[in-house]
């Protein structure tokens, strides 16, 4: 065999470290990354800190999946108990992380979100290139918390930001801009069969909210806006699609109590988490994205536009970036139920115009946020940091939990 043939025949390998196994923003983008890398000749090994609905989808997309607990940076670590818990996780879990990277011997490690920085540290300890994929834009965090999350970016070989907003918020904590940082806008696969909005709004005005149920996402603002619409003579029918993050069950209870307090039981439906959100958009007239706090990007904004639905969106940070240039996206003052209701009324009262705009925007969103474009740009960004070729070894094998 000619020299170098064995090494060149070996597929490029990427380990993707993910903090969770849900199907929300950063999880879905990581899944989309896997779907693009496998056909481009990459062996993809994904490690998730927990099991969940993401895992079978990753496997069906061609990834090898390892459920391997790893230290995750959460707000709770700012307490004494939280810090002690983190230190315990580091002692127990980092050796297992090292073993995984040793056995897989990847060409590059992609660390998905800034919440799992110890994957960056372990990769660099093995002299393996580490790329951090940043989905966060937490400008409102305290300075100590921001430093804790963004300081490890300086150790990475490169950083991929999902928006200009996330790059701007990272500030000077990340590496220099000399070829080591890049913005790769999210790619969003639209519905397989897009259903046009109905020609006329007769009867109820159908509103959909898709996302986590949490105070920062502003789900309660949707409920209050629905009450304002009802009082203005519009019959709102709101579908809330999503679930709470563990520990926030109290918030869902408060939401349901608010619905009862405002007499909206016949106007608001809680549908829970859905793996596929397109039927919810298809059944709606309009979508709402009312987040109170910073967002790095607005995947839900793009999902609504791809579904050919107008969308009312809080006008700040990455939501503004996602909605920019789309005429069916109505931007409103954040954290303001009256502004949200006003935006919804504007669409309701000028339905023909917003229906026309939504059709044009769906075509544009499909071009600008296509998954093919995303796959190409992400693969190119990883390839820039691939480790020099090496000869295949007996350690180039699929990971099995039995080795742990």
Foldseek 3Di string as FASTA:
>chain_A
DDPPPQLVPDFAEEEEEEAAQECDDLLVLVLLLLLLVVVVRYAYEYEYCADDPNVVSSVVSPHHYHNAHAQFDDPVCVDPVNVVVSVVRCVPRLVVLLVVCVLQVHQEYEYRALGRLVNLVSCVVVVHAYEYEHFDQALVDDPVSLCSRLQSQCSHQAYEYQAPLNVVSSPPSHHDPPLRYDYQHAFDDEDPDADAADQADDDAAEEEEADAQDVQQPPLLVLVLCLVCVVVPHQAAYEYEEYHDPPVVVSVVVSVVSCVVSVNPVRYHYPYYDSDCLVVLRVHQEYEGQGQGAGQACPVCLRNLLSLHQYEYACDGRDVVHCPPQPSYHYFHHPDSVRSSVSSVVCNVVVNVSSVSSVVSSVVSCVPRHSVSSSVVVVVSVVVSGHPGDRDDPSNDRDDPVVD
